[in-house]
Amino acid sequence: MIFIHLILKILFLFKKIKDFGKSEEEKLKEKELRREAIRNKIKAVARLSRVFKVLREERETITELKKKMGTDNLPAGLLNDGAAGIRNGMLSFFSFFFSFF
């Protein structure tokens, strides 16, 4: 326990030495950059969560669309738009497909 306490004191001292000579404006700028990085990571996780939710809920529709398109890959960004995006993708594919007839 004492060892951990000493390590924490040393780390705190290194942080003080690192921050020595920096103005308050620089410190605030670094803090804002860290906040922005965390915010971007949260947004990325939310986007991935939304994509996986759509994959789970619309599995049959996605499989049907892949089969009709004759490929294993979906158009980029299709899953980001949710179920409505998949349906719009199917409609645009069918309208493109039937335009040849």
Protein backbone atom coordinates (compact mmCIF):
# COMPACT_ATOMS: atom_id res chain seq x y z
CA MET A 1 0.00 0.00 0.00
CA ILE A 2 2.82 2.37 0.84
CA PHE A 3 4.50 1.48 -2.44
CA ILE A 4 1.43 2.51 -4.44
CA HIS A 5 1.22 5.75 -2.48
CA LEU A 6 4.86 6.55 -3.31
CA ILE A 7 4.36 5.77 -7.00
CA LEU A 8 1.34 8.07 -7.11
CA LYS A 9 3.36 10.86 -5.50
CA ILE A 10 6.14 10.39 -8.05
CA LEU A 11 3.68 10.44 -10.94
CA PHE A 12 2.06 13.59 -9.56
CA LEU A 13 5.51 15.18 -9.27
CA PHE A 14 6.33 14.28 -12.89
CA LYS A 15 3.05 15.82 -13.99
CA LYS A 16 3.93 19.03 -12.15
CA ILE A 17 7.38 19.09 -13.76
CA LYS A 18 5.84 18.46 -17.18
CA ASP A 19 3.32 21.27 -16.68
CA PHE A 20 5.94 23.65 -15.28
CA GLY A 21 6.32 26.72 -17.44
CA LYS A 22 3.07 26.20 -19.31
CA SER A 23 0.57 28.99 -19.23
CA GLU A 24 -3.00 28.46 -18.13
CA GLU A 25 -4.08 28.93 -21.74
CA GLU A 26 -1.87 26.04 -22.90
CA LYS A 27 -3.17 23.83 -20.11
CA LEU A 28 -6.78 24.62 -21.03
CA LYS A 29 -6.05 23.95 -24.69
CA GLU A 30 -4.57 20.51 -23.87
CA LYS A 31 -7.56 19.74 -21.66
CA GLU A 32 -9.97 20.70 -24.45
CA LEU A 33 -8.06 18.52 -26.93
CA ARG A 34 -8.37 15.56 -24.55
CA ARG A 35 -12.09 16.21 -24.15
CA GLU A 36 -12.53 16.37 -27.92
CA ALA A 37 -10.65 13.08 -28.36
CA ILE A 38 -12.86 11.37 -25.77
CA ARG A 39 -15.97 12.85 -27.38
CA ASN A 40 -14.90 11.49 -30.78
CA LYS A 41 -14.27 8.04 -29.30
CA ILE A 42 -17.74 8.01 -27.75
CA LYS A 43 -19.28 9.01 -31.08
CA ALA A 44 -17.39 6.22 -32.85
CA VAL A 45 -18.59 3.63 -30.33
CA ALA A 46 -22.17 4.89 -30.70
CA ARG A 47 -21.92 4.62 -34.50
CA LEU A 48 -20.62 1.06 -34.28
CA SER A 49 -23.33 0.19 -31.80
CA ARG A 50 -25.96 1.51 -34.21
CA VAL A 51 -24.46 -0.52 -37.08
CA PHE A 52 -24.48 -3.74 -35.06
CA LYS A 53 -28.04 -3.08 -33.92
CA VAL A 54 -29.14 -2.71 -37.54
CA LEU A 55 -27.27 -5.89 -38.46
CA ARG A 56 -29.08 -7.77 -35.71
CA GLU A 57 -32.54 -6.40 -36.45
CA GLU A 58 -32.39 -6.42 -40.25
CA ARG A 59 -30.46 -9.64 -40.84
CA GLU A 60 -32.99 -11.11 -43.25
CA THR A 61 -33.33 -7.91 -45.28
CA ILE A 62 -29.55 -7.56 -45.53
CA THR A 63 -29.19 -11.17 -46.64
CA GLU A 64 -31.89 -10.69 -49.27
CA LEU A 65 -30.26 -7.49 -50.53
CA LYS A 66 -26.85 -9.16 -50.77
CA LYS A 67 -28.38 -12.07 -52.66
CA LYS A 68 -30.19 -9.78 -55.11
CA MET A 69 -27.06 -7.68 -55.67
CA GLY A 70 -24.94 -10.77 -56.20
CA THR A 71 -22.20 -9.61 -53.84
CA ASP A 72 -21.10 -10.11 -50.26
CA ASN A 73 -20.47 -6.40 -49.69
CA LEU A 74 -23.06 -3.73 -49.05
CA PRO A 75 -22.66 -0.18 -50.32
CA ALA A 76 -20.63 2.03 -47.99
CA GLY A 77 -22.68 3.81 -45.34
CA LEU A 78 -25.82 1.76 -45.88
CA LEU A 79 -25.89 0.40 -42.31
CA ASN A 80 -25.29 3.84 -40.79
CA ASP A 81 -28.69 4.96 -42.04
CA GLY A 82 -30.52 2.20 -40.19
CA ALA A 83 -33.45 0.15 -41.40
CA ALA A 84 -34.76 3.00 -43.55
CA GLY A 85 -31.38 3.21 -45.29
CA ILE A 86 -31.47 -0.51 -46.09
CA ARG A 87 -34.98 -0.22 -47.52
CA ASN A 88 -33.94 2.80 -49.58
CA GLY A 89 -30.94 0.81 -50.79
CA MET A 90 -33.20 -2.00 -51.88
CA LEU A 91 -35.56 0.41 -53.64
CA SER A 92 -32.71 2.15 -55.44
CA PHE A 93 -31.24 -1.21 -56.47
CA PHE A 94 -34.58 -2.46 -57.79
CA SER A 95 -35.29 0.79 -59.62
CA PHE A 96 -31.82 0.60 -61.20
CA PHE A 97 -32.29 -3.08 -62.03
CA PHE A 98 -35.75 -2.65 -63.56
CA SER A 99 -34.71 0.41 -65.55
CA PHE A 100 -33.11 -1.99 -68.04
CA PHE A 101 -36.45 -3.66 -68.82
